[in-house]
Amino acid sequence: AGTGLQDECAWYAMNYFVDTSFGLLLSLLLVSVLRSVASSKPYPRLRDQGVYPEGREGWLTFRDQTFAWLCILTLVKAVLCGFLWLFAPFFAVVGEVAFRPFQGHNQAELVFVMIVLPGVLNVMYFWVADSYMKGGKEGGE
């Protein structure tokens, strides 16, 4: 309230864009920090993301990496919430300008914001995240 952004679709799009750009960069930065910390400690389960040994150790590694990723995502979402709240007036202006062509075309705006934009941004997000975190050949691929 009081941000100036009255178009809920534009606000949703701004939120989605920030999440899949700045959020991704912050997530990958935190994964790099995790790798550095894990490399300096005797904890290979978190050092080698995407590398799963055979048997029980593989499942334990998967569990630890999944838990670490969920913790990173939770932290990133909290940071993004504060970021969006702090800069809401800026995003209000950007959203109003970006979605001006959709004025009077509510159905087109809804399709763009709920289907096209998330589809494109999710493909990019998961492509970058997966290529950054997948295990290399040294992991037994």
C-alpha atoms as a PDB file:
ATOM      1  CA  ALA A   1       0.000   0.000   0.000  1.00  0.00           C
ATOM      2  CA  GLY A   2       1.238   3.443  -0.814  1.00  0.00           C
ATOM      3  CA  THR A   3       3.810   2.147  -3.317  1.00  0.00           C
ATOM      4  CA  GLY A   4       2.020   3.594  -6.322  1.00  0.00           C
ATOM      5  CA  LEU A   5       1.855   0.254  -8.110  1.00  0.00           C
ATOM      6  CA  GLN A   6      -1.860  -0.371  -8.589  1.00  0.00           C
ATOM      7  CA  ASP A   7      -1.542  -3.029 -11.310  1.00  0.00           C
ATOM      8  CA  GLU A   8      -1.262  -6.358  -9.475  1.00  0.00           C
ATOM      9  CA  CYS A   9      -0.041  -8.101 -12.623  1.00  0.00           C
ATOM     10  CA  ALA A  10       2.802  -5.613 -12.992  1.00  0.00           C
ATOM     11  CA  TRP A  11       3.761  -6.074  -9.345  1.00  0.00           C
ATOM     12  CA  TYR A  12       3.718  -9.865  -9.765  1.00  0.00           C
ATOM     13  CA  ALA A  13       5.915  -9.554 -12.859  1.00  0.00           C
ATOM     14  CA  MET A  14       8.403  -7.284 -11.059  1.00  0.00           C
ATOM     15  CA  ASN A  15       8.535  -9.746  -8.171  1.00  0.00           C
ATOM     16  CA  TYR A  16       9.064 -12.666 -10.554  1.00  0.00           C
ATOM     17  CA  PHE A  17      11.771 -10.839 -12.482  1.00  0.00           C
ATOM     18  CA  VAL A  18      13.683  -9.861  -9.322  1.00  0.00           C
ATOM     19  CA  ASP A  19      13.392 -13.419  -8.008  1.00  0.00           C
ATOM     20  CA  THR A  20      14.711 -15.035 -11.190  1.00  0.00           C
ATOM     21  CA  SER A  21      17.533 -12.536 -11.718  1.00  0.00           C
ATOM     22  CA  PHE A  22      18.847 -11.048  -8.480  1.00  0.00           C
ATOM     23  CA  GLY A  23      17.569 -14.058  -6.520  1.00  0.00           C
ATOM     24  CA  LEU A  24      19.427 -16.462  -8.795  1.00  0.00           C
ATOM     25  CA  LEU A  25      22.658 -14.479  -8.536  1.00  0.00           C
ATOM     26  CA  LEU A  26      22.394 -14.349  -4.756  1.00  0.00           C
ATOM     27  CA  SER A  27      21.631 -18.089  -4.595  1.00  0.00           C
ATOM     28  CA  LEU A  28      24.664 -18.956  -6.712  1.00  0.00           C
ATOM     29  CA  LEU A  29      26.841 -16.652  -4.618  1.00  0.00           C
ATOM     30  CA  LEU A  30      25.701 -18.460  -1.474  1.00  0.00           C
ATOM     31  CA  VAL A  31      26.358 -21.839  -3.117  1.00  0.00           C
ATOM     32  CA  SER A  32      29.904 -20.631  -3.860  1.00  0.00           C
ATOM     33  CA  VAL A  33      30.328 -19.589  -0.239  1.00  0.00           C
ATOM     34  CA  LEU A  34      29.011 -22.987   0.856  1.00  0.00           C
ATOM     35  CA  ARG A  35      31.509 -24.743  -1.430  1.00  0.00           C
ATOM     36  CA  SER A  36      34.377 -22.664  -0.042  1.00  0.00           C
ATOM     37  CA  VAL A  37      33.402 -23.356   3.545  1.00  0.00           C
ATOM     38  CA  ALA A  38      32.859 -27.052   2.831  1.00  0.00           C
ATOM     39  CA  SER A  39      36.255 -27.263   1.085  1.00  0.00           C
ATOM     40  CA  SER A  40      38.029 -25.905   4.143  1.00  0.00           C
ATOM     41  CA  LYS A  41      36.261 -28.446   6.372  1.00  0.00           C
ATOM     42  CA  PRO A  42      36.148 -32.214   6.069  1.00  0.00           C
ATOM     43  CA  TYR A  43      32.640 -32.206   4.611  1.00  0.00           C
ATOM     44  CA  PRO A  44      32.655 -33.445   0.988  1.00  0.00           C
ATOM     45  CA  ARG A  45      28.867 -33.919   0.901  1.00  0.00           C
ATOM     46  CA  LEU A  46      28.421 -30.159   0.510  1.00  0.00           C
ATOM     47  CA  ARG A  47      31.641 -29.428  -1.332  1.00  0.00           C
ATOM     48  CA  ASP A  48      30.824 -31.435  -4.454  1.00  0.00           C
ATOM     49  CA  GLN A  49      27.300 -30.402  -5.500  1.00  0.00           C
ATOM     50  CA  GLY A  50      25.589 -32.808  -7.844  1.00  0.00           C
ATOM     51  CA  VAL A  51      27.993 -35.649  -7.035  1.00  0.00           C
ATOM     52  CA  TYR A  52      26.343 -38.624  -5.356  1.00  0.00           C
ATOM     53  CA  PRO A  53      28.337 -41.713  -4.365  1.00  0.00           C
ATOM     54  CA  GLU A  54      26.814 -45.161  -4.562  1.00  0.00           C
ATOM     55  CA  GLY A  55      24.539 -46.603  -1.902  1.00  0.00           C
ATOM     56  CA  ARG A  56      23.604 -45.071   1.428  1.00  0.00           C
ATOM     57  CA  GLU A  57      26.268 -42.370   1.241  1.00  0.00           C
ATOM     58  CA  GLY A  58      24.710 -41.136  -2.005  1.00  0.00           C
ATOM     59  CA  TRP A  59      21.313 -40.714  -0.338  1.00  0.00           C
ATOM     60  CA  LEU A  60      22.882 -38.939   2.640  1.00  0.00           C
ATOM     61  CA  THR A  61      24.754 -36.625   0.271  1.00  0.00           C
ATOM     62  CA  PHE A  62      21.549 -35.913  -1.647  1.00  0.00           C
ATOM     63  CA  ARG A  63      19.739 -35.178   1.631  1.00  0.00           C
ATOM     64  CA  ASP A  64      22.433 -32.790   2.847  1.00  0.00           C
ATOM     65  CA  GLN A  65      22.676 -30.963  -0.480  1.00  0.00           C
ATOM     66  CA  THR A  66      18.900 -30.643  -0.740  1.00  0.00           C
ATOM     67  CA  PHE A  67      18.660 -29.288   2.806  1.00  0.00           C
ATOM     68  CA  ALA A  68      21.485 -26.808   2.141  1.00  0.00           C
ATOM     69  CA  TRP A  69      19.779 -25.631  -1.084  1.00  0.00           C
ATOM     70  CA  LEU A  70      16.452 -25.175   0.723  1.00  0.00           C
ATOM     71  CA  CYS A  71      18.196 -23.128   3.435  1.00  0.00           C
ATOM     72  CA  ILE A  72      19.854 -20.980   0.762  1.00  0.00           C
ATOM     73  CA  LEU A  73      16.526 -20.447  -1.031  1.00  0.00           C
ATOM     74  CA  THR A  74      14.804 -19.523   2.224  1.00  0.00           C
ATOM     75  CA  LEU A  75      17.480 -16.956   3.031  1.00  0.00           C
ATOM     76  CA  VAL A  76      17.337 -15.546  -0.500  1.00  0.00           C
ATOM     77  CA  LYS A  77      13.532 -15.233  -0.377  1.00  0.00           C
ATOM     78  CA  ALA A  78      13.786 -13.316   2.920  1.00  0.00           C
ATOM     79  CA  VAL A  79      16.414 -10.979   1.445  1.00  0.00           C
ATOM     80  CA  LEU A  80      14.311 -10.448  -1.700  1.00  0.00           C
ATOM     81  CA  CYS A  81      11.232  -9.678   0.375  1.00  0.00           C
ATOM     82  CA  GLY A  82      13.129  -6.902   2.141  1.00  0.00           C
ATOM     83  CA  PHE A  83      14.659  -5.719  -1.131  1.00  0.00           C
ATOM     84  CA  LEU A  84      11.281  -5.496  -2.872  1.00  0.00           C
ATOM     85  CA  TRP A  85       9.727  -3.726   0.102  1.00  0.00           C
ATOM     86  CA  LEU A  86      12.610  -1.259   0.355  1.00  0.00           C
ATOM     87  CA  PHE A  87      12.603  -0.427  -3.351  1.00  0.00           C
ATOM     88  CA  ALA A  88       8.842  -0.716  -3.946  1.00  0.00           C
ATOM     89  CA  PRO A  89       8.535   2.868  -5.261  1.00  0.00           C
ATOM     90  CA  PHE A  90      11.197   2.156  -7.899  1.00  0.00           C
ATOM     91  CA  PHE A  91       9.512  -1.080  -8.957  1.00  0.00           C
ATOM     92  CA  ALA A  92       6.177   0.746  -9.074  1.00  0.00           C
ATOM     93  CA  VAL A  93       7.534   3.117 -11.708  1.00  0.00           C
ATOM     94  CA  VAL A  94       9.240   0.347 -13.674  1.00  0.00           C
ATOM     95  CA  GLY A  95       6.095  -1.789 -13.543  1.00  0.00           C
ATOM     96  CA  GLU A  96       3.861   1.050 -14.669  1.00  0.00           C
ATOM     97  CA  VAL A  97       6.145   1.874 -17.606  1.00  0.00           C
ATOM     98  CA  ALA A  98       6.731  -1.754 -18.619  1.00  0.00           C
ATOM     99  CA  PHE A  99       3.048  -2.650 -18.551  1.00  0.00           C
ATOM    100  CA  ARG A 100       1.688   0.524 -20.132  1.00  0.00           C
ATOM    101  CA  PRO A 101       1.238  -1.303 -23.502  1.00  0.00           C
ATOM    102  CA  PHE A 102      -1.167  -3.709 -21.778  1.00  0.00           C
ATOM    103  CA  GLN A 103      -3.530  -0.987 -20.540  1.00  0.00           C
ATOM    104  CA  GLY A 104      -7.005  -1.872 -21.675  1.00  0.00           C
ATOM    105  CA  HIS A 105      -5.927  -5.408 -22.609  1.00  0.00           C
ATOM    106  CA  ASN A 106      -6.417  -7.252 -19.327  1.00  0.00           C
ATOM    107  CA  GLN A 107      -6.589 -10.728 -20.868  1.00  0.00           C
ATOM    108  CA  ALA A 108      -3.328 -10.244 -22.783  1.00  0.00           C
ATOM    109  CA  GLU A 109      -1.634  -8.877 -19.660  1.00  0.00           C
ATOM    110  CA  LEU A 110      -2.809 -11.850 -17.639  1.00  0.00           C
ATOM    111  CA  VAL A 111      -1.563 -14.373 -20.222  1.00  0.00           C
ATOM    112  CA  PHE A 112       1.796 -12.591 -20.432  1.00  0.00           C
ATOM    113  CA  VAL A 113       2.274 -12.333 -16.661  1.00  0.00           C
ATOM    114  CA  MET A 114       0.974 -15.768 -15.686  1.00  0.00           C
ATOM    115  CA  ILE A 115       2.163 -17.923 -18.614  1.00  0.00           C
ATOM    116  CA  VAL A 116       4.706 -16.301 -20.947  1.00  0.00           C
ATOM    117  CA  LEU A 117       6.922 -14.467 -18.451  1.00  0.00           C
ATOM    118  CA  PRO A 118       7.164 -17.310 -15.893  1.00  0.00           C
ATOM    119  CA  GLY A 119       7.777 -19.813 -18.684  1.00  0.00           C
ATOM    120  CA  VAL A 120      10.692 -17.868 -20.141  1.00  0.00           C
ATOM    121  CA  LEU A 121      12.177 -16.831 -16.795  1.00  0.00           C
ATOM    122  CA  ASN A 122      11.886 -20.334 -15.304  1.00  0.00           C
ATOM    123  CA  VAL A 123      13.667 -21.887 -18.276  1.00  0.00           C
ATOM    124  CA  MET A 124      16.510 -19.403 -17.898  1.00  0.00           C
ATOM    125  CA  TYR A 125      16.610 -19.766 -14.092  1.00  0.00           C
ATOM    126  CA  PHE A 126      16.780 -23.559 -14.072  1.00  0.00           C
ATOM    127  CA  TRP A 127      19.176 -23.704 -17.019  1.00  0.00           C
ATOM    128  CA  VAL A 128      21.676 -21.434 -15.262  1.00  0.00           C
ATOM    129  CA  ALA A 129      21.182 -22.977 -11.807  1.00  0.00           C
ATOM    130  CA  ASP A 130      21.457 -26.536 -13.107  1.00  0.00           C
ATOM    131  CA  SER A 131      24.552 -25.883 -15.214  1.00  0.00           C
ATOM    132  CA  TYR A 132      26.196 -24.193 -12.230  1.00  0.00           C
ATOM    133  CA  MET A 133      25.397 -26.888  -9.669  1.00  0.00           C
ATOM    134  CA  LYS A 134      25.463 -30.150 -11.577  1.00  0.00           C
ATOM    135  CA  GLY A 135      28.281 -32.586 -10.879  1.00  0.00           C
ATOM    136  CA  GLY A 136      31.280 -32.718 -13.155  1.00  0.00           C
ATOM    137  CA  LYS A 137      33.088 -35.655 -14.700  1.00  0.00           C
ATOM    138  CA  GLU A 138      35.339 -35.883 -11.652  1.00  0.00           C
ATOM    139  CA  GLY A 139      32.237 -36.906  -9.715  1.00  0.00           C
ATOM    140  CA  GLY A 140      31.928 -40.160 -11.640  1.00  0.00           C
ATOM    141  CA  GLU A 141      29.714 -39.121 -14.544  1.00  0.00           C
END
